Protein backbone atom coordinates (compact mmCIF):
# COMPACT_ATOMS: atom_id res chain seq x y z
CA MET A 1 0.15 -0.19 0.06
CA PHE A 2 2.71 2.67 0.95
CA ASN A 3 4.34 2.06 -2.68
CA GLN A 4 1.20 3.43 -3.97
CA ILE A 5 1.38 7.01 -2.65
CA ASP A 6 2.60 9.62 -5.21
CA PHE A 7 5.20 12.20 -4.19
CA ARG A 8 6.43 15.16 -6.71
CA CYS A 9 9.76 16.27 -6.20
CA SER A 10 10.18 19.52 -5.34
CA LYS A 11 12.86 20.52 -6.88
CA CYS A 12 11.67 19.51 -10.90
CA ASP A 13 7.73 18.85 -10.37
CA ALA A 14 8.18 14.77 -11.31
CA ASN A 15 5.87 12.83 -9.72
CA PHE A 16 6.45 9.41 -9.27
CA LYS A 17 5.86 6.79 -6.48
CA SER A 18 7.54 6.16 -3.09
CA GLY A 19 9.17 3.00 -4.17
CA GLU A 20 11.10 5.21 -7.05
CA VAL A 21 12.17 7.59 -4.34
CA GLU A 22 16.03 6.51 -4.55
CA ALA A 23 16.23 6.66 -8.42
CA HIS A 24 14.48 9.99 -8.63
CA LYS A 25 16.91 10.95 -5.86
CA ASN A 26 19.72 9.86 -8.34
CA ASP A 27 18.19 11.08 -11.98
CA CYS A 28 17.40 14.47 -10.57
CA LEU A 29 20.22 15.59 -9.02
CA GLN A 30 21.85 15.47 -13.19
CA LYS A 31 18.62 17.75 -13.89
CA ASN A 32 18.42 21.30 -12.72
CA LYS A 33 17.18 24.57 -13.74
CA CYS A 34 18.94 27.93 -13.80
CA VAL A 35 20.00 28.69 -10.30
CA LEU A 36 19.49 31.85 -10.56
CA GLY A 37 15.83 31.36 -11.91
CA CYS A 38 15.60 33.49 -14.76
CA GLY A 39 12.78 31.71 -15.92
CA ASN A 40 14.72 29.82 -18.92
CA GLN A 41 13.18 26.61 -18.90
CA LYS A 42 15.07 24.46 -19.64
CA VAL A 43 16.34 21.81 -17.38
CA TYR A 44 20.46 21.40 -17.53
CA GLN A 45 21.97 17.87 -17.85
CA GLY A 46 24.49 18.17 -15.12
CA TYR A 47 27.01 21.43 -13.37
CA GLU A 48 28.85 21.57 -16.76
CA GLU A 49 25.88 22.78 -18.82
CA ILE A 50 24.49 24.92 -15.98
CA LYS A 51 27.81 26.52 -15.32
CA LYS A 52 28.13 27.01 -19.24
CA HIS A 53 24.35 29.12 -19.45
CA LEU A 54 25.70 31.20 -16.30
CA LEU A 55 28.63 32.41 -18.13
CA ASP A 56 26.91 32.83 -21.35
CA ASN A 57 23.30 34.41 -21.11
CA CYS A 58 21.90 34.21 -18.19
CA VAL A 59 19.84 37.61 -17.93
CA LYS A 60 19.72 37.66 -13.71
CA VAL A 61 24.32 37.32 -13.85
CA ASN A 62 25.20 40.38 -12.18
CA MET A 63 28.12 42.00 -13.77
CA LEU A 64 30.40 45.03 -12.94
CA CYS A 65 30.72 47.47 -15.93
CA GLU A 66 34.24 47.95 -16.38
CA ASP A 67 34.18 51.63 -17.41
CA CYS A 68 31.70 52.43 -13.88
CA ASP A 69 31.76 49.81 -11.43
CA GLU A 70 28.40 49.44 -11.30
CA ARG A 71 27.36 46.19 -10.91
CA ILE A 72 24.40 45.42 -13.38
CA THR A 73 22.23 42.31 -14.69
CA ARG A 74 23.35 41.07 -17.99
CA LYS A 75 19.29 42.31 -19.06
CA ASP A 76 20.27 46.05 -17.98
CA VAL A 77 23.93 45.68 -19.84
CA GLY A 78 21.96 47.62 -23.31
CA ALA A 79 19.94 49.97 -21.30
CA HIS A 80 22.97 51.12 -19.20
CA ASP A 81 24.49 54.67 -19.66
CA CYS A 82 28.07 55.36 -17.41
CA ILE A 83 27.11 58.79 -17.25
CA ASP A 84 23.91 58.93 -15.28
CA VAL A 85 25.59 56.39 -12.94
CA PHE A 86 28.65 59.24 -12.85
CA LYS A 87 26.00 61.83 -12.01
CA ARG A 88 23.94 59.86 -9.64
CA ARG A 89 27.54 59.58 -7.68
CA ILE A 90 28.14 63.37 -7.95
CA LYS A 91 24.73 64.77 -6.36
């Protein structure tokens, strides 16, 4: 009877029976969504894929502008204006 209880994984939302918990743990550890919660729905297979996503295209990654030292996210790079940053700092 206990093996018939359904579970939902809090990491990947998969449904499974209690007898499948250990097998799912091993499988789930290899499949991850973006750790920063950027909204990308891709499921990454292991650490190297997540690392590539974070380094190459995650919009929530914080960056440091090399001209004004302002911290911005990758999605805000196009709208970033160093002159506005310098004006804010003068005030």
